[in-house]
Amino acid sequence: MSQPYTFHAGEATVLAADGQFTDAMPEILIGRTDGPVGAAFANMMAQSKGHTAMFAIRACNQMVRPATITVPKVTLKDSANIDLFGGVVQAATADAVIDCVIEGVIPKDVANELCIISLVWIDPRCAKDPNLDKKDMYRTNYEATKLAIRRALHNEPSIDELIANRHAIKHDMDDWS
């Protein structure tokens, strides 16, 4: 078996309240800083127009452990969406990570040896929505990040579950079959 925490991937979707565009769909990589996830983490520090990577911080001078970098899945074209990414989503991600340590999902004794890459979704309609509920955006991102981390570290769904559901479950956007 490989070294513990070499490479774990997980994802989760938490849907927004009715009328909101605040669905959260983080895709998580978690692994050791001296392994492939650590190398990818370091490479994510290079900026790409519209996909600015940010550390997950709880507040200024309060970067979480394991070190976590968030990267938007969509191009952020305006300051309003960048503010949501660097505010609500960043805070929800950071709180989820530290709560995973508090709850033992991420063992505290390896928190400084691990890093997390979190690809996050921000619906471009959010920032322009006059009824945007930032509390709902926080909720969906917090819950989805915690779930994605747990799934990553528990290798969920299992290969047996995937095989069992191969013909029973369809992709949510499936309109072709």
Protein backbone atom coordinates (compact mmCIF):
# COMPACT_ATOMS: atom_id res chain seq x y z
CA MET A 1 0.00 0.00 0.00
CA SER A 2 1.19 3.54 -0.69
CA GLN A 3 2.14 6.02 1.99
CA PRO A 4 -0.94 7.34 3.85
CA TYR A 5 -2.41 10.55 2.50
CA THR A 6 -0.52 10.42 -0.79
CA PHE A 7 -3.45 11.41 -3.00
CA HIS A 8 -7.16 11.59 -2.18
CA ALA A 9 -9.87 13.11 -4.36
CA GLY A 10 -13.43 13.96 -3.41
CA GLU A 11 -16.35 16.06 -4.52
CA ALA A 12 -19.75 17.05 -3.26
CA THR A 13 -22.73 19.08 -4.35
CA VAL A 14 -24.96 21.00 -1.96
CA LEU A 15 -27.90 22.74 -3.54
CA ALA A 16 -28.91 26.31 -2.85
CA ALA A 17 -32.16 27.47 -1.33
CA ASP A 18 -34.95 28.02 -3.87
CA GLY A 19 -34.37 31.08 -6.00
CA GLN A 20 -30.64 31.27 -5.27
CA PHE A 21 -27.70 30.61 -7.60
CA THR A 22 -25.47 29.56 -4.72
CA ASP A 23 -25.08 25.81 -5.38
CA ALA A 24 -21.68 24.60 -4.20
CA MET A 25 -19.70 21.90 -6.00
CA PRO A 26 -16.14 21.76 -4.66
CA GLU A 27 -13.68 19.27 -6.07
CA ILE A 28 -10.99 18.46 -3.54
CA LEU A 29 -7.49 17.02 -3.72
CA ILE A 30 -5.84 16.33 -0.40
CA GLY A 31 -2.44 14.82 0.16
CA ARG A 32 1.00 15.18 1.62
CA THR A 33 3.00 18.33 0.96
CA ASP A 34 5.94 16.16 -0.16
CA GLY A 35 3.85 14.19 -2.68
CA PRO A 36 1.95 14.78 -5.92
CA VAL A 37 -0.72 16.95 -4.28
CA GLY A 38 1.99 19.12 -2.73
CA ALA A 39 3.63 19.56 -6.13
CA ALA A 40 0.28 20.47 -7.70
CA PHE A 41 -0.41 22.85 -4.80
CA ALA A 42 2.89 24.68 -5.40
CA ASN A 43 2.17 24.88 -9.12
CA MET A 44 -1.26 26.41 -8.40
CA MET A 45 0.51 29.48 -7.01
CA ALA A 46 1.03 30.69 -10.57
CA GLN A 47 -1.84 33.02 -11.40
CA SER A 48 -4.08 32.64 -14.42
CA LYS A 49 -6.29 35.49 -15.62
CA GLY A 50 -9.78 35.06 -14.21
CA HIS A 51 -8.75 32.06 -12.08
CA THR A 52 -6.93 33.69 -9.20
CA ALA A 53 -5.90 31.15 -6.57
CA MET A 54 -6.23 32.17 -2.92
CA PHE A 55 -5.27 30.55 0.35
CA ALA A 56 -8.21 29.65 2.55
CA ILE A 57 -8.05 32.02 5.50
CA ARG A 58 -10.45 32.49 8.38
CA ALA A 59 -9.34 36.12 8.76
CA CYS A 60 -6.22 38.12 8.04
CA ASN A 61 -3.22 36.27 9.49
CA GLN A 62 -5.34 33.14 10.08
CA MET A 63 -4.53 30.75 7.22
CA VAL A 64 -5.95 27.32 7.96
CA ARG A 65 -4.07 24.06 8.31
CA PRO A 66 -3.82 21.94 6.30
CA ALA A 67 -2.79 24.73 3.95
CA THR A 68 -5.65 25.05 1.48
CA ILE A 69 -5.78 26.82 -1.86
CA THR A 70 -9.06 27.68 -3.55
CA VAL A 71 -9.34 28.13 -7.30
CA PRO A 72 -12.53 29.11 -9.16
CA LYS A 73 -13.78 26.67 -11.81
CA VAL A 74 -15.17 29.51 -13.90
CA THR A 75 -13.55 32.72 -15.08
CA LEU A 76 -14.29 35.52 -12.63
CA LYS A 77 -14.83 38.54 -14.84
CA ASP A 78 -15.81 41.25 -12.39
CA SER A 79 -14.95 42.53 -8.94
CA ALA A 80 -18.35 41.55 -7.53
CA ASN A 81 -17.74 37.84 -8.22
CA ILE A 82 -14.12 38.12 -7.10
CA ASP A 83 -15.37 39.64 -3.83
CA LEU A 84 -17.72 36.66 -3.33
CA PHE A 85 -14.86 34.25 -4.04
CA GLY A 86 -12.41 36.04 -1.74
CA GLY A 87 -15.01 36.60 0.95
CA VAL A 88 -17.93 34.23 1.41
CA VAL A 89 -16.47 31.23 -0.41
CA GLN A 90 -12.99 31.67 1.06
CA ALA A 91 -14.41 31.91 4.61
CA ALA A 92 -16.73 28.91 4.15
CA THR A 93 -13.86 26.82 2.79
CA ALA A 94 -11.53 27.82 5.62
CA ASP A 95 -14.14 27.13 8.30
CA ALA A 96 -14.92 23.73 6.77
CA VAL A 97 -11.25 22.74 6.73
CA ILE A 98 -10.58 23.70 10.35
CA ASP A 99 -13.84 22.06 11.47
CA CYS A 100 -12.71 18.85 9.71
CA VAL A 101 -9.59 18.98 11.91
CA ILE A 102 -11.63 19.73 15.04
CA GLU A 103 -13.98 16.81 14.27
CA GLY A 104 -11.13 14.39 13.52
CA VAL A 105 -11.93 13.93 9.84
CA ILE A 106 -8.45 15.29 9.19
CA PRO A 107 -6.10 14.04 11.91
CA LYS A 108 -4.61 16.98 13.81
CA ASP A 109 -1.20 15.31 14.02
CA VAL A 110 -0.78 15.39 10.21
CA ALA A 111 -2.44 18.77 9.53
CA ASN A 112 0.91 20.47 8.83
CA GLU A 113 2.00 17.64 6.51
CA LEU A 114 -1.07 17.85 4.25
CA CYS A 115 -2.37 20.36 1.76
CA ILE A 116 -5.69 20.76 0.00
CA ILE A 117 -6.60 22.06 -3.44
CA SER A 118 -10.24 23.07 -3.69
CA LEU A 119 -11.76 23.89 -7.06
CA VAL A 120 -14.91 25.89 -6.37
CA TRP A 121 -17.95 26.86 -8.40
CA ILE A 122 -19.36 30.36 -8.40
CA ASP A 123 -22.38 30.79 -10.64
CA PRO A 124 -21.69 33.97 -12.64
CA ARG A 125 -25.29 35.08 -11.94
CA CYS A 126 -24.67 35.30 -8.15
CA ALA A 127 -23.10 38.72 -7.89
CA LYS A 128 -25.74 40.42 -10.04
CA ASP A 129 -28.67 38.76 -8.28
CA PRO A 130 -30.43 41.48 -6.22
CA ASN A 131 -31.74 38.73 -3.91
CA LEU A 132 -28.37 37.09 -3.32
CA ASP A 133 -28.32 35.39 0.08
CA LYS A 134 -24.68 35.34 1.20
CA LYS A 135 -25.61 33.22 4.22
CA ASP A 136 -26.94 30.56 1.85
CA MET A 137 -23.78 30.82 -0.24
CA TYR A 138 -21.71 30.32 2.91
CA ARG A 139 -23.89 27.36 3.97
CA THR A 140 -23.66 25.53 0.66
CA ASN A 141 -19.90 26.01 0.33
CA TYR A 142 -19.23 25.07 3.97
CA GLU A 143 -21.36 21.92 3.86
CA ALA A 144 -20.09 20.81 0.45
CA THR A 145 -16.44 21.35 1.37
CA LYS A 146 -16.77 19.33 4.57
CA LEU A 147 -18.54 16.55 2.70
CA ALA A 148 -15.97 16.54 -0.14
CA ILE A 149 -13.08 16.30 2.34
CA ARG A 150 -14.75 13.44 4.21
CA ARG A 151 -15.47 11.63 0.96
CA ALA A 152 -11.89 12.13 -0.22
CA LEU A 153 -10.35 10.74 2.94
CA HIS A 154 -12.80 7.81 3.07
CA ASN A 155 -12.48 7.00 -0.66
CA GLU A 156 -16.19 7.57 -1.24
CA PRO A 157 -18.05 6.51 -3.19
CA SER A 158 -16.43 3.08 -3.08
CA ILE A 159 -15.72 1.22 -6.29
CA ASP A 160 -18.36 -1.34 -5.26
CA GLU A 161 -20.98 1.41 -4.93
CA LEU A 162 -20.04 2.84 -8.30
CA ILE A 163 -20.31 -0.58 -9.95
CA ALA A 164 -23.63 -1.32 -8.23
CA ASN A 165 -25.10 2.02 -9.37
CA ARG A 166 -23.67 2.04 -12.89
CA HIS A 167 -27.04 1.60 -14.57
CA ALA A 168 -29.25 2.88 -11.76
CA ILE A 169 -27.97 6.46 -11.52
CA LYS A 170 -27.65 9.00 -14.33
CA HIS A 171 -25.74 12.26 -14.50
CA ASP A 172 -27.82 15.16 -13.22
CA MET A 173 -27.52 16.95 -16.57
CA ASP A 174 -28.43 13.80 -18.53
CA ASP A 175 -30.79 14.77 -21.29
CA TRP A 176 -29.14 12.65 -23.97
CA SER A 177 -30.31 9.17 -23.01
